[in-house]
Amino acid sequence: MKNHVQPVFIDPTTDEGFKRLFGDKVNLINFLNIIFRGRKTIVDLTYRDTERIGATEEIGKVIFDLVVQISTGEEIIIEMQTSSQTNLKQRMLYYASKVISDTAPKGNRKAWGYAIPEVYTIVLMDGFHMPGGDHRTYFHDTCLCNRDSGQIFYEGLGFIYLEIINFVKSEAEVEDELDKVFFMLKNMSTLKTLPRIMKSAVFQRFFQLASYAKLTKEERTMYDISLKRKWDAEAVRMYQQEQVEGLEKQLGGLEKQLKEVKQASKKAAIEAKAEGEHKKAIETALKFKKMGLPLEQIAEGTGLTIDEIEKLK
């Protein structure tokens, strides 16, 4: 463990912390209503089986952290990611597509009419950056839209990414409910008391469930294991990052040396060319001098000075 001081609140970005806080229906409804920023008003939801069997043996099983269906029929996938994933965006697109395809009937597609549900994927990203991101934006709310006009083409397939590492606001800088969610996710495990900005019933419930002192002995054991697992993964990530930075530094040094070698080679080539042209001019001047041509003409024809030509023998 990093330290032996008992925390006041659990870390919501651990596996056990995530399940405890978002496995509570009221908490999850409040969280989703904030994330959708008034675009949807969720009053009830049902937790769905998070294991979907693939269409073939090659696909196998797909496991989600949470899948819920809200009372108006939309399906929502909620994922907690604590390390960079290969093809993260593609994987989330596959997950959403899997949920959509599972709603299709085995037959009578014509009568069904492709009445697919709206599907939204929400990803809480802790400790790593969005691939291709700008390291400043912490909330990404995307859907299918017209590339040129930005007008929404289809609202019913959405991807919301919470890039927690990019949220750097202090408590005094928090502006709205969405900022409060980010502040809670990033700082909950290090806080000693409920922040002043979290006095509403919505956030009080989160912090009440997050109380480490209220965990049972078994719950503490499971949480401590998940916390250690997160720290171990973080240590591996930091080690890998140090290795990458070391290699980048070495490559930077090699690139500098290569640039210097190229510059030296270019300079040597220019000097060699100039020396060759000068030697050729001397040979030509000697021939002209033996022919008895005036020194001024020889200088004009070869580019040599009269003094240089006079000294030639």
Protein backbone atom coordinates (compact mmCIF):
# COMPACT_ATOMS: atom_id res chain seq x y z
CA MET A 1 0.00 0.00 0.00
CA LYS A 2 1.14 3.59 -0.59
CA ASN A 3 0.47 4.52 3.03
CA HIS A 4 -1.16 3.11 6.14
CA VAL A 5 -3.40 6.10 6.91
CA GLN A 6 -7.05 5.08 6.77
CA PRO A 7 -8.84 7.13 4.11
CA VAL A 8 -12.00 9.05 4.85
CA PHE A 9 -13.51 8.37 1.43
CA ILE A 10 -12.89 5.55 -1.05
CA ASP A 11 -11.48 6.07 -4.53
CA PRO A 12 -14.36 6.02 -7.05
CA THR A 13 -11.98 5.14 -9.90
CA THR A 14 -11.12 1.75 -8.41
CA ASP A 15 -13.14 -1.26 -9.46
CA GLU A 16 -14.81 -1.66 -6.06
CA GLY A 17 -15.29 2.08 -5.59
CA PHE A 18 -16.91 2.40 -9.01
CA LYS A 19 -19.29 -0.50 -8.35
CA ARG A 20 -20.22 0.81 -4.90
CA LEU A 21 -21.03 4.34 -6.02
CA PHE A 22 -22.58 3.66 -9.42
CA GLY A 23 -24.22 0.41 -8.43
CA ASP A 24 -26.58 2.62 -6.42
CA LYS A 25 -29.55 3.44 -8.69
CA VAL A 26 -30.21 6.92 -7.26
CA ASN A 27 -26.54 7.86 -7.59
CA LEU A 28 -26.37 6.60 -11.15
CA ILE A 29 -29.54 8.44 -12.19
CA ASN A 30 -28.19 11.68 -10.72
CA PHE A 31 -24.82 11.14 -12.39
CA LEU A 32 -26.38 10.47 -15.80
CA ASN A 33 -28.69 13.48 -15.59
CA ILE A 34 -25.66 15.69 -14.95
CA ILE A 35 -23.64 14.07 -17.75
CA PHE A 36 -26.44 14.52 -20.29
CA ARG A 37 -26.64 18.23 -19.31
CA GLY A 38 -30.42 18.53 -19.66
CA ARG A 39 -30.56 16.69 -22.99
CA LYS A 40 -32.29 13.85 -21.18
CA THR A 41 -34.16 13.62 -17.90
CA ILE A 42 -33.79 10.14 -16.45
CA VAL A 43 -36.30 9.15 -13.77
CA ASP A 44 -35.74 5.40 -13.64
CA LEU A 45 -33.44 2.72 -14.99
CA THR A 46 -32.82 -1.02 -14.90
CA TYR A 47 -29.42 -2.66 -14.56
CA ARG A 48 -28.84 -5.09 -17.42
CA ASP A 49 -26.72 -8.24 -17.66
CA THR A 50 -23.22 -6.98 -18.47
CA GLU A 51 -22.20 -10.15 -20.29
CA ARG A 52 -23.20 -10.32 -23.94
CA ILE A 53 -22.38 -13.51 -25.87
CA GLY A 54 -20.72 -12.92 -29.23
CA ALA A 55 -22.28 -14.09 -32.49
CA THR A 56 -19.40 -16.49 -33.12
CA GLU A 57 -16.85 -18.36 -31.06
CA GLU A 58 -14.14 -16.07 -32.41
CA ILE A 59 -15.86 -13.01 -30.93
CA GLY A 60 -16.45 -14.68 -27.59
CA LYS A 61 -17.77 -12.72 -24.62
CA VAL A 62 -17.86 -8.96 -24.16
CA ILE A 63 -17.91 -7.69 -20.58
CA PHE A 64 -19.00 -4.16 -19.68
CA ASP A 65 -18.60 -2.46 -16.30
CA LEU A 66 -22.25 -1.38 -16.26
CA VAL A 67 -25.09 -1.54 -18.75
CA VAL A 68 -28.44 0.04 -17.93
CA GLN A 69 -31.68 0.62 -19.76
CA ILE A 70 -33.52 3.78 -18.84
CA SER A 71 -37.30 3.83 -18.58
CA THR A 72 -37.70 5.43 -22.03
CA GLY A 73 -35.83 2.56 -23.70
CA GLU A 74 -32.34 3.92 -24.27
CA GLU A 75 -29.37 1.68 -23.44
CA ILE A 76 -26.33 3.12 -21.69
CA ILE A 77 -22.90 1.53 -21.28
CA ILE A 78 -20.73 2.93 -18.46
CA GLU A 79 -17.03 1.98 -18.43
CA MET A 80 -14.23 2.80 -16.00
CA GLN A 81 -10.79 2.77 -17.64
CA THR A 82 -7.61 3.33 -15.59
CA SER A 83 -5.02 2.65 -18.29
CA SER A 84 -4.58 3.38 -21.96
CA GLN A 85 -6.25 0.85 -24.22
CA THR A 86 -5.35 -0.15 -27.77
CA ASN A 87 -7.95 1.22 -30.20
CA LEU A 88 -10.04 2.68 -27.36
CA LYS A 89 -12.49 4.50 -29.64
CA GLN A 90 -12.89 1.49 -31.93
CA ARG A 91 -13.50 -0.79 -28.95
CA MET A 92 -16.22 1.47 -27.59
CA LEU A 93 -17.82 1.62 -31.03
CA TYR A 94 -17.81 -2.19 -31.10
CA TYR A 95 -19.43 -2.36 -27.65
CA ALA A 96 -22.21 0.03 -28.70
CA SER A 97 -22.71 -1.86 -31.97
CA LYS A 98 -22.95 -5.12 -30.03
CA VAL A 99 -25.73 -3.74 -27.83
CA ILE A 100 -27.57 -2.53 -30.94
CA SER A 101 -27.20 -5.80 -32.82
CA ASP A 102 -28.46 -7.78 -29.82
CA THR A 103 -31.81 -6.00 -30.09
CA ALA A 104 -32.44 -7.30 -33.62
CA PRO A 105 -34.94 -10.17 -33.91
CA LYS A 106 -33.77 -13.43 -35.46
CA GLY A 107 -36.41 -13.20 -38.14
CA ASN A 108 -39.15 -10.97 -39.57
CA ARG A 109 -36.80 -8.00 -39.94
CA LYS A 110 -39.32 -6.28 -42.22
CA ALA A 111 -41.96 -6.07 -39.52
CA TRP A 112 -39.30 -4.95 -37.04
CA GLY A 113 -38.34 -2.04 -39.29
CA TYR A 114 -34.92 -1.52 -37.67
CA ALA A 115 -36.45 0.10 -34.60
CA ILE A 116 -33.12 0.14 -32.79
CA PRO A 117 -32.78 1.78 -29.38
CA GLU A 118 -30.64 4.81 -28.71
CA VAL A 119 -27.30 3.66 -27.31
CA TYR A 120 -24.88 5.82 -25.36
CA THR A 121 -21.40 4.87 -24.18
CA ILE A 122 -19.92 6.74 -21.22
CA VAL A 123 -16.24 6.21 -20.42
CA LEU A 124 -14.55 7.45 -17.26
CA MET A 125 -10.86 7.75 -18.15
CA ASP A 126 -8.47 7.97 -15.20
CA GLY A 127 -4.71 8.38 -15.50
CA PHE A 128 -4.31 8.57 -19.28
CA HIS A 129 -5.13 10.89 -22.14
CA MET A 130 -7.60 10.61 -24.97
CA PRO A 131 -5.82 9.34 -28.11
CA GLY A 132 -5.38 12.36 -30.35
CA GLY A 133 -6.67 14.73 -27.65
CA ASP A 134 -5.38 18.22 -26.84
CA HIS A 135 -4.69 17.57 -23.11
CA ARG A 136 -6.95 20.53 -22.24
CA THR A 137 -10.49 19.29 -22.93
CA TYR A 138 -11.80 17.08 -20.12
CA PHE A 139 -15.37 16.43 -21.34
CA HIS A 140 -15.97 14.92 -24.79
CA ASP A 141 -19.62 14.62 -25.90
CA THR A 142 -19.80 13.20 -29.43
CA CYS A 143 -22.43 11.92 -31.85
CA LEU A 144 -22.89 11.46 -35.59
CA CYS A 145 -22.90 14.86 -37.26
CA ASN A 146 -22.33 16.57 -40.60
CA ARG A 147 -18.60 17.09 -40.96
CA ASP A 148 -18.97 20.48 -42.70
CA SER A 149 -21.87 22.12 -40.89
CA GLY A 150 -21.63 20.39 -37.52
CA GLN A 151 -25.37 19.73 -37.68
CA ILE A 152 -26.38 16.53 -35.87
CA PHE A 153 -27.06 13.72 -38.34
CA TYR A 154 -28.16 11.08 -35.80
CA GLU A 155 -28.56 11.70 -32.09
CA GLY A 156 -29.15 8.11 -31.01
CA LEU A 157 -25.54 6.88 -31.01
CA GLY A 158 -23.44 8.87 -28.58
CA PHE A 159 -20.04 8.58 -26.91
CA ILE A 160 -19.21 10.60 -23.81
CA TYR A 161 -15.65 10.53 -22.47
CA LEU A 162 -14.67 12.00 -19.10
CA GLU A 163 -10.92 12.63 -19.36
CA ILE A 164 -10.28 13.03 -15.63
CA ILE A 165 -6.53 13.63 -15.94
CA ASN A 166 -7.22 16.89 -17.79
CA PHE A 167 -9.43 18.34 -15.05
CA VAL A 168 -7.20 20.68 -13.00
CA LYS A 169 -9.70 23.10 -11.45
CA SER A 170 -9.54 23.83 -7.75
CA GLU A 171 -12.66 23.82 -5.57
CA ALA A 172 -12.91 27.62 -5.96
CA GLU A 173 -12.77 27.32 -9.76
CA VAL A 174 -15.58 24.77 -10.11
CA GLU A 175 -18.32 26.32 -12.27
CA ASP A 176 -21.27 23.92 -12.58
CA GLU A 177 -22.65 20.46 -11.72
CA LEU A 178 -20.50 18.79 -14.38
CA ASP A 179 -17.36 20.32 -12.86
CA LYS A 180 -18.49 19.01 -9.47
CA VAL A 181 -18.64 15.48 -10.89
CA PHE A 182 -15.09 15.80 -12.18
CA PHE A 183 -13.88 17.33 -8.91
CA MET A 184 -15.45 14.46 -6.98
CA LEU A 185 -14.01 11.74 -9.23
CA LYS A 186 -10.51 13.19 -9.13
CA ASN A 187 -10.27 14.27 -5.49
CA MET A 188 -12.69 12.17 -3.42
CA SER A 189 -10.09 9.70 -2.13
CA THR A 190 -7.84 12.49 -0.78
CA LEU A 191 -10.52 14.63 0.86
CA LYS A 192 -11.00 14.66 4.64
CA THR A 193 -14.42 16.28 4.73
CA LEU A 194 -17.34 16.93 2.41
CA PRO A 195 -16.38 19.97 0.27
CA ARG A 196 -18.50 23.10 0.60
CA ILE A 197 -19.52 22.86 -3.07
CA MET A 198 -20.87 19.32 -2.50
CA LYS A 199 -23.54 20.18 0.09
CA SER A 200 -26.49 19.30 -2.19
CA ALA A 201 -28.39 16.04 -1.58
CA VAL A 202 -27.07 14.64 -4.87
CA PHE A 203 -23.42 14.77 -3.80
CA GLN A 204 -24.04 14.08 -0.13
CA ARG A 205 -25.39 10.68 -1.14
CA PHE A 206 -22.21 9.93 -3.14
CA PHE A 207 -19.99 10.84 -0.20
CA GLN A 208 -22.11 8.92 2.30
CA LEU A 209 -21.71 5.74 0.23
CA ALA A 210 -18.02 6.52 -0.21
CA SER A 211 -17.35 6.59 3.54
CA TYR A 212 -14.54 4.13 4.24
CA ALA A 213 -15.60 3.86 7.89
CA LYS A 214 -19.03 2.56 6.84
CA LEU A 215 -17.63 -0.35 4.84
CA THR A 216 -17.96 -3.82 6.30
CA LYS A 217 -14.80 -5.82 6.96
CA GLU A 218 -15.34 -7.81 3.76
CA GLU A 219 -16.01 -4.63 1.76
CA ARG A 220 -12.82 -3.04 3.09
CA THR A 221 -10.83 -6.10 2.10
CA MET A 222 -12.24 -6.06 -1.42
CA TYR A 223 -11.70 -2.30 -1.72
CA ASP A 224 -8.11 -2.49 -0.46
CA ILE A 225 -7.38 -5.21 -3.02
CA SER A 226 -8.85 -3.14 -5.84
CA LEU A 227 -6.92 -0.06 -4.67
CA LYS A 228 -3.66 -2.00 -4.61
CA ARG A 229 -4.46 -3.32 -8.08
CA LYS A 230 -4.91 0.26 -9.30
CA TRP A 231 -1.64 1.38 -7.69
CA ASP A 232 0.22 -1.56 -9.22
CA ALA A 233 -1.18 -0.69 -12.65
CA GLU A 234 -0.19 2.95 -12.10
CA ALA A 235 3.36 1.91 -11.15
CA VAL A 236 3.63 -0.19 -14.32
CA ARG A 237 2.27 2.71 -16.39
CA MET A 238 4.75 5.15 -14.86
CA TYR A 239 7.63 2.75 -15.45
CA GLN A 240 6.59 2.31 -19.08
CA GLN A 241 6.27 6.08 -19.45
CA GLU A 242 9.79 6.57 -18.04
CA GLN A 243 11.09 3.99 -20.50
CA VAL A 244 9.38 5.74 -23.38
CA GLU A 245 10.67 9.14 -22.26
CA GLY A 246 14.17 7.67 -21.96
CA LEU A 247 13.99 6.26 -25.46
CA GLU A 248 12.62 9.55 -26.77
CA LYS A 249 15.54 11.37 -25.14
CA GLN A 250 18.01 8.93 -26.70
CA LEU A 251 16.33 9.30 -30.07
CA GLY A 252 16.46 13.08 -29.67
CA GLY A 253 20.20 12.84 -29.05
CA LEU A 254 20.66 10.55 -32.05
CA GLU A 255 18.61 12.88 -34.24
CA LYS A 256 20.80 15.80 -33.15
CA GLN A 257 23.96 13.85 -33.96
CA LEU A 258 22.53 12.80 -37.32
CA LYS A 259 21.65 16.41 -38.11
CA GLU A 260 25.18 17.51 -37.21
CA VAL A 261 26.65 14.74 -39.39
CA LYS A 262 24.44 15.78 -42.31
CA GLN A 263 25.44 19.41 -41.89
CA ALA A 264 29.14 18.48 -41.73
CA SER A 265 28.78 16.25 -44.79
CA LYS A 266 27.01 19.01 -46.69
CA LYS A 267 29.71 21.50 -45.72
CA ALA A 268 32.47 19.07 -46.74
CA ALA A 269 30.77 18.43 -50.07
CA ILE A 270 30.50 22.17 -50.76
CA GLU A 271 34.14 22.68 -49.82
CA ALA A 272 35.21 19.72 -51.96
CA LYS A 273 33.25 21.06 -54.91
CA ALA A 274 34.74 24.53 -54.48
CA GLU A 275 38.22 23.06 -54.21
CA GLY A 276 37.68 21.01 -57.37
CA GLU A 277 36.40 24.03 -59.28
CA HIS A 278 39.38 26.11 -58.09
CA LYS A 279 41.81 23.41 -59.18
CA LYS A 280 40.16 23.23 -62.59
CA ALA A 281 40.36 27.04 -62.91
CA ILE A 282 44.09 26.93 -62.15
CA GLU A 283 44.65 24.26 -64.82
CA THR A 284 42.71 26.31 -67.37
CA ALA A 285 44.58 29.51 -66.42
CA LEU A 286 47.95 27.76 -66.92
CA LYS A 287 46.91 26.71 -70.42
CA PHE A 288 45.76 30.23 -71.29
CA LYS A 289 48.96 31.69 -69.83
CA LYS A 290 51.15 29.38 -71.94
CA MET A 291 49.11 30.48 -74.96
CA GLY A 292 50.16 34.07 -74.19
CA LEU A 293 46.68 35.45 -73.51
CA PRO A 294 46.47 38.72 -71.53
CA LEU A 295 46.18 38.27 -67.79
CA GLU A 296 42.96 40.32 -67.68
CA GLN A 297 41.23 37.93 -70.12
CA ILE A 298 42.48 34.88 -68.22
CA ALA A 299 41.13 36.35 -64.96
CA GLU A 300 37.77 37.07 -66.59
CA GLY A 301 37.53 33.56 -68.05
CA THR A 302 38.58 31.61 -64.94
CA GLY A 303 37.45 33.75 -62.04
CA LEU A 304 40.99 33.87 -60.60
CA THR A 305 42.68 37.10 -59.55
CA ILE A 306 45.56 38.55 -61.56
CA ASP A 307 47.86 38.00 -58.57
CA GLU A 308 46.93 34.30 -58.51
CA ILE A 309 47.55 34.01 -62.25
CA GLU A 310 50.95 35.77 -62.08
CA LYS A 311 52.11 33.24 -59.48
CA LEU A 312 51.21 30.25 -61.67
CA LYS A 313 54.09 28.38 -63.24
